């Protein structure tokens, strides 16, 4: 089957053995039908974003990575399969900033721009999240944001974020 769609997926975890969760999820992504892994970043430790009333040490640090895949699947079925992998890891979406065993965000799917309930492409947070941009720049610094028409490297260079992101 012809594979001609490139997608970038951000992986994250801050519950349980986060390194193992991300590695297992990466393997499960490679098992999606008509999909192959092109490359994946190193794992990174990321300081959690604290909300009002929280202090340092209240939340465990995240483990994050980004991978690039090539797939013959269309965006919405592909996105649904990623949600199924999350659910298989015990993910129940209650709130945006909760700790999680596994989070898979579809960062981009080719040059598609989609804005539907439950699916927005490119991911609305990619341009301002160091924990996505650092690993993305490791594997594809010239990735071009489909709406902003700015590279991942440029987005990272102009990002003003105090959160620490460290390669593991």
C-alpha atoms as a PDB file:
ATOM      1  CA  UNK A   1       0.000   0.000   0.000  1.00  0.00           C
ATOM      2  CA  UNK A   2       1.316   3.440  -0.881  1.00  0.00           C
ATOM      3  CA  UNK A   3       2.317   5.483   2.161  1.00  0.00           C
ATOM      4  CA  UNK A   4       2.381   9.155   1.508  1.00  0.00           C
ATOM      5  CA  UNK A   5       1.218  10.968   4.626  1.00  0.00           C
ATOM      6  CA  UNK A   6       3.813  12.109   7.150  1.00  0.00           C
ATOM      7  CA  UNK A   7       2.660  12.673  10.694  1.00  0.00           C
ATOM      8  CA  UNK A   8       4.425  13.871  13.834  1.00  0.00           C
ATOM      9  CA  UNK A   9       3.328  12.550  17.201  1.00  0.00           C
ATOM     10  CA  UNK A  10       4.295  13.927  20.612  1.00  0.00           C
ATOM     11  CA  UNK A  11       4.527  11.343  23.390  1.00  0.00           C
ATOM     12  CA  UNK A  12       4.366  12.181  27.091  1.00  0.00           C
ATOM     13  CA  UNK A  13       4.015  10.487  30.460  1.00  0.00           C
ATOM     14  CA  UNK A  14       4.391  11.425  34.113  1.00  0.00           C
ATOM     15  CA  UNK A  15       2.816   8.476  35.936  1.00  0.00           C
ATOM     16  CA  UNK A  16       4.288   5.048  36.529  1.00  0.00           C
ATOM     17  CA  UNK A  17       7.472   4.123  34.687  1.00  0.00           C
ATOM     18  CA  UNK A  18       7.281   6.999  32.196  1.00  0.00           C
ATOM     19  CA  UNK A  19      10.314   5.905  30.178  1.00  0.00           C
ATOM     20  CA  UNK A  20       8.825   2.424  29.725  1.00  0.00           C
ATOM     21  CA  UNK A  21       5.401   3.891  28.878  1.00  0.00           C
ATOM     22  CA  UNK A  22       6.863   6.052  26.100  1.00  0.00           C
ATOM     23  CA  UNK A  23       8.971   3.208  24.708  1.00  0.00           C
ATOM     24  CA  UNK A  24       5.995   0.838  24.686  1.00  0.00           C
ATOM     25  CA  UNK A  25       3.770   3.464  23.049  1.00  0.00           C
ATOM     26  CA  UNK A  26       6.386   4.017  20.364  1.00  0.00           C
ATOM     27  CA  UNK A  27       6.388   0.288  19.629  1.00  0.00           C
ATOM     28  CA  UNK A  28       2.571   0.270  19.521  1.00  0.00           C
ATOM     29  CA  UNK A  29       2.602   3.194  17.062  1.00  0.00           C
ATOM     30  CA  UNK A  30       4.794   1.098  14.758  1.00  0.00           C
ATOM     31  CA  UNK A  31       2.107  -1.617  14.876  1.00  0.00           C
ATOM     32  CA  UNK A  32      -0.604   0.671  13.438  1.00  0.00           C
ATOM     33  CA  UNK A  33      -1.623  -0.826  10.089  1.00  0.00           C
ATOM     34  CA  UNK A  34      -0.105   0.741   6.955  1.00  0.00           C
ATOM     35  CA  UNK A  35       2.200   2.877   9.105  1.00  0.00           C
ATOM     36  CA  UNK A  36       5.956   2.887   9.511  1.00  0.00           C
ATOM     37  CA  UNK A  37       8.234   4.734  11.881  1.00  0.00           C
ATOM     38  CA  UNK A  38      10.540   7.122  10.037  1.00  0.00           C
ATOM     39  CA  UNK A  39      12.441   8.434  13.070  1.00  0.00           C
ATOM     40  CA  UNK A  40      12.044   9.237  16.733  1.00  0.00           C
ATOM     41  CA  UNK A  41      13.722  11.643  19.096  1.00  0.00           C
ATOM     42  CA  UNK A  42      15.587  10.970  22.277  1.00  0.00           C
ATOM     43  CA  UNK A  43      13.571  10.913  25.464  1.00  0.00           C
ATOM     44  CA  UNK A  44      13.475  14.177  27.396  1.00  0.00           C
ATOM     45  CA  UNK A  45      12.631  14.993  31.025  1.00  0.00           C
ATOM     46  CA  UNK A  46      10.325  17.997  31.245  1.00  0.00           C
ATOM     47  CA  UNK A  47       9.478  20.120  34.226  1.00  0.00           C
ATOM     48  CA  UNK A  48       5.686  20.186  34.768  1.00  0.00           C
ATOM     49  CA  UNK A  49       3.752  23.396  34.307  1.00  0.00           C
ATOM     50  CA  UNK A  50       2.407  24.380  37.712  1.00  0.00           C
ATOM     51  CA  UNK A  51      -1.097  25.739  38.110  1.00  0.00           C
ATOM     52  CA  UNK A  52      -2.324  28.144  40.761  1.00  0.00           C
ATOM     53  CA  UNK A  53      -1.847  26.688  44.231  1.00  0.00           C
ATOM     54  CA  UNK A  54       0.741  24.110  43.129  1.00  0.00           C
ATOM     55  CA  UNK A  55       4.381  24.215  44.125  1.00  0.00           C
ATOM     56  CA  UNK A  56       7.526  22.578  42.791  1.00  0.00           C
ATOM     57  CA  UNK A  57       7.514  18.916  43.751  1.00  0.00           C
ATOM     58  CA  UNK A  58       3.700  18.597  43.648  1.00  0.00           C
ATOM     59  CA  UNK A  59       3.777  16.958  40.213  1.00  0.00           C
ATOM     60  CA  UNK A  60       6.245  14.444  38.795  1.00  0.00           C
ATOM     61  CA  UNK A  61       8.323  15.537  35.810  1.00  0.00           C
ATOM     62  CA  UNK A  62       7.214  14.335  32.386  1.00  0.00           C
ATOM     63  CA  UNK A  63       9.067  12.151  29.931  1.00  0.00           C
ATOM     64  CA  UNK A  64       8.532  13.435  26.379  1.00  0.00           C
ATOM     65  CA  UNK A  65       9.522  12.497  22.837  1.00  0.00           C
ATOM     66  CA  UNK A  66       8.412  13.113  19.261  1.00  0.00           C
ATOM     67  CA  UNK A  67       8.282  10.653  16.398  1.00  0.00           C
ATOM     68  CA  UNK A  68       7.717  10.937  12.669  1.00  0.00           C
ATOM     69  CA  UNK A  69       5.711   8.276  10.890  1.00  0.00           C
ATOM     70  CA  UNK A  70       4.641   7.638   7.342  1.00  0.00           C
ATOM     71  CA  UNK A  71       1.135   6.257   6.909  1.00  0.00           C
ATOM     72  CA  UNK A  72      -1.418   5.394   4.269  1.00  0.00           C
ATOM     73  CA  UNK A  73      -4.235   6.133   6.722  1.00  0.00           C
ATOM     74  CA  UNK A  74      -6.238   9.333   6.638  1.00  0.00           C
ATOM     75  CA  UNK A  75      -5.907  11.796   9.536  1.00  0.00           C
ATOM     76  CA  UNK A  76      -9.099  11.031  11.470  1.00  0.00           C
ATOM     77  CA  UNK A  77      -8.775   7.217  11.537  1.00  0.00           C
ATOM     78  CA  UNK A  78      -5.087   7.619  12.415  1.00  0.00           C
ATOM     79  CA  UNK A  79      -5.981   9.986  15.264  1.00  0.00           C
ATOM     80  CA  UNK A  80      -8.570   7.476  16.540  1.00  0.00           C
ATOM     81  CA  UNK A  81      -5.957   4.725  16.621  1.00  0.00           C
ATOM     82  CA  UNK A  82      -3.642   6.958  18.689  1.00  0.00           C
ATOM     83  CA  UNK A  83      -6.519   7.583  21.122  1.00  0.00           C
ATOM     84  CA  UNK A  84      -6.971   3.810  21.354  1.00  0.00           C
ATOM     85  CA  UNK A  85      -3.314   3.373  22.303  1.00  0.00           C
ATOM     86  CA  UNK A  86      -3.736   5.994  25.051  1.00  0.00           C
ATOM     87  CA  UNK A  87      -6.852   4.241  26.326  1.00  0.00           C
ATOM     88  CA  UNK A  88      -4.959   0.940  26.374  1.00  0.00           C
ATOM     89  CA  UNK A  89      -2.505   2.607  28.757  1.00  0.00           C
ATOM     90  CA  UNK A  90      -5.350   3.609  31.059  1.00  0.00           C
ATOM     91  CA  UNK A  91      -5.839   7.170  29.818  1.00  0.00           C
ATOM     92  CA  UNK A  92      -9.149   8.724  30.794  1.00  0.00           C
ATOM     93  CA  UNK A  93      -9.410  12.371  29.777  1.00  0.00           C
ATOM     94  CA  UNK A  94     -10.795  14.387  32.670  1.00  0.00           C
ATOM     95  CA  UNK A  95      -8.855  17.634  32.423  1.00  0.00           C
ATOM     96  CA  UNK A  96      -6.133  19.120  30.259  1.00  0.00           C
ATOM     97  CA  UNK A  97      -3.366  19.424  32.842  1.00  0.00           C
ATOM     98  CA  UNK A  98      -3.782  16.190  34.807  1.00  0.00           C
ATOM     99  CA  UNK A  99      -0.960  13.696  35.362  1.00  0.00           C
ATOM    100  CA  UNK A 100      -1.136  10.835  32.877  1.00  0.00           C
ATOM    101  CA  UNK A 101       0.394   7.459  32.185  1.00  0.00           C
ATOM    102  CA  UNK A 102       0.423   8.248  28.453  1.00  0.00           C
ATOM    103  CA  UNK A 103      -0.436  11.218  26.266  1.00  0.00           C
ATOM    104  CA  UNK A 104      -0.205  11.018  22.470  1.00  0.00           C
ATOM    105  CA  UNK A 105      -0.744  14.276  20.597  1.00  0.00           C
ATOM    106  CA  UNK A 106      -0.989  14.341  16.834  1.00  0.00           C
ATOM    107  CA  UNK A 107       1.220  17.381  16.238  1.00  0.00           C
ATOM    108  CA  UNK A 108       0.778  17.522  12.485  1.00  0.00           C
ATOM    109  CA  UNK A 109      -0.419  15.433   9.601  1.00  0.00           C
ATOM    110  CA  UNK A 110       1.242  16.605   6.424  1.00  0.00           C
ATOM    111  CA  UNK A 111       0.127  20.159   5.677  1.00  0.00           C
ATOM    112  CA  UNK A 112      -3.440  19.540   6.839  1.00  0.00           C
ATOM    113  CA  UNK A 113      -5.210  22.248   8.782  1.00  0.00           C
ATOM    114  CA  UNK A 114      -8.283  20.867  10.564  1.00  0.00           C
ATOM    115  CA  UNK A 115     -10.444  22.480  13.219  1.00  0.00           C
ATOM    116  CA  UNK A 116     -13.137  20.103  14.447  1.00  0.00           C
ATOM    117  CA  UNK A 117     -14.310  19.220  17.936  1.00  0.00           C
ATOM    118  CA  UNK A 118     -11.751  16.731  19.204  1.00  0.00           C
ATOM    119  CA  UNK A 119      -9.254  17.188  16.356  1.00  0.00           C
ATOM    120  CA  UNK A 120      -7.226  20.279  15.566  1.00  0.00           C
ATOM    121  CA  UNK A 121      -4.278  20.155  13.204  1.00  0.00           C
ATOM    122  CA  UNK A 122      -1.667  21.275  13.582  1.00  0.00           C
ATOM    123  CA  UNK A 123      -1.899  20.761  17.335  1.00  0.00           C
ATOM    124  CA  UNK A 124      -2.740  24.191  18.808  1.00  0.00           C
ATOM    125  CA  UNK A 125       0.027  24.027  21.433  1.00  0.00           C
ATOM    126  CA  UNK A 126       2.975  22.987  19.282  1.00  0.00           C
ATOM    127  CA  UNK A 127       4.289  26.513  18.665  1.00  0.00           C
ATOM    128  CA  UNK A 128       4.561  27.317  22.392  1.00  0.00           C
ATOM    129  CA  UNK A 129       5.579  24.010  23.978  1.00  0.00           C
ATOM    130  CA  UNK A 130       9.270  23.534  24.598  1.00  0.00           C
ATOM    131  CA  UNK A 131       8.633  19.871  25.497  1.00  0.00           C
ATOM    132  CA  UNK A 132       7.405  19.315  21.920  1.00  0.00           C
ATOM    133  CA  UNK A 133       9.758  21.655  20.080  1.00  0.00           C
ATOM    134  CA  UNK A 134      13.000  20.354  21.653  1.00  0.00           C
ATOM    135  CA  UNK A 135      12.474  16.733  20.530  1.00  0.00           C
ATOM    136  CA  UNK A 136      10.909  17.858  17.237  1.00  0.00           C
ATOM    137  CA  UNK A 137      14.005  19.941  16.461  1.00  0.00           C
ATOM    138  CA  UNK A 138      16.216  16.961  17.235  1.00  0.00           C
ATOM    139  CA  UNK A 139      14.620  14.925  14.431  1.00  0.00           C
ATOM    140  CA  UNK A 140      13.243  17.558  12.015  1.00  0.00           C
ATOM    141  CA  UNK A 141      14.384  21.135  12.728  1.00  0.00           C
ATOM    142  CA  UNK A 142      13.110  22.312   9.336  1.00  0.00           C
ATOM    143  CA  UNK A 143       9.556  21.042   9.948  1.00  0.00           C
ATOM    144  CA  UNK A 144       7.289  23.826   8.755  1.00  0.00           C
ATOM    145  CA  UNK A 145       4.239  24.762  10.804  1.00  0.00           C
ATOM    146  CA  UNK A 146       1.342  24.463   8.308  1.00  0.00           C
ATOM    147  CA  UNK A 147      -0.384  27.657   9.455  1.00  0.00           C
ATOM    148  CA  UNK A 148       2.403  29.886  10.745  1.00  0.00           C
ATOM    149  CA  UNK A 149       4.828  28.914   7.935  1.00  0.00           C
ATOM    150  CA  UNK A 150       7.700  28.978  10.440  1.00  0.00           C
ATOM    151  CA  UNK A 151      10.194  26.152  11.077  1.00  0.00           C
ATOM    152  CA  UNK A 152      10.385  24.196  14.319  1.00  0.00           C
ATOM    153  CA  UNK A 153      13.878  25.631  14.879  1.00  0.00           C
ATOM    154  CA  UNK A 154      12.598  29.213  14.534  1.00  0.00           C
ATOM    155  CA  UNK A 155       9.684  28.516  16.877  1.00  0.00           C
ATOM    156  CA  UNK A 156      12.058  27.066  19.470  1.00  0.00           C
ATOM    157  CA  UNK A 157      14.559  29.916  19.121  1.00  0.00           C
ATOM    158  CA  UNK A 158      11.918  32.551  19.799  1.00  0.00           C
ATOM    159  CA  UNK A 159      10.199  30.647  22.586  1.00  0.00           C
ATOM    160  CA  UNK A 160      10.243  32.298  26.000  1.00  0.00           C
ATOM    161  CA  UNK A 161       9.511  29.464  28.418  1.00  0.00           C
ATOM    162  CA  UNK A 162      11.040  28.979  31.864  1.00  0.00           C
ATOM    163  CA  UNK A 163      10.293  25.231  31.906  1.00  0.00           C
ATOM    164  CA  UNK A 164      13.335  22.981  31.892  1.00  0.00           C
ATOM    165  CA  UNK A 165      13.612  20.292  29.228  1.00  0.00           C
ATOM    166  CA  UNK A 166      16.583  17.899  29.522  1.00  0.00           C
ATOM    167  CA  UNK A 167      17.634  15.052  27.228  1.00  0.00           C
ATOM    168  CA  UNK A 168      17.711  11.758  29.127  1.00  0.00           C
END
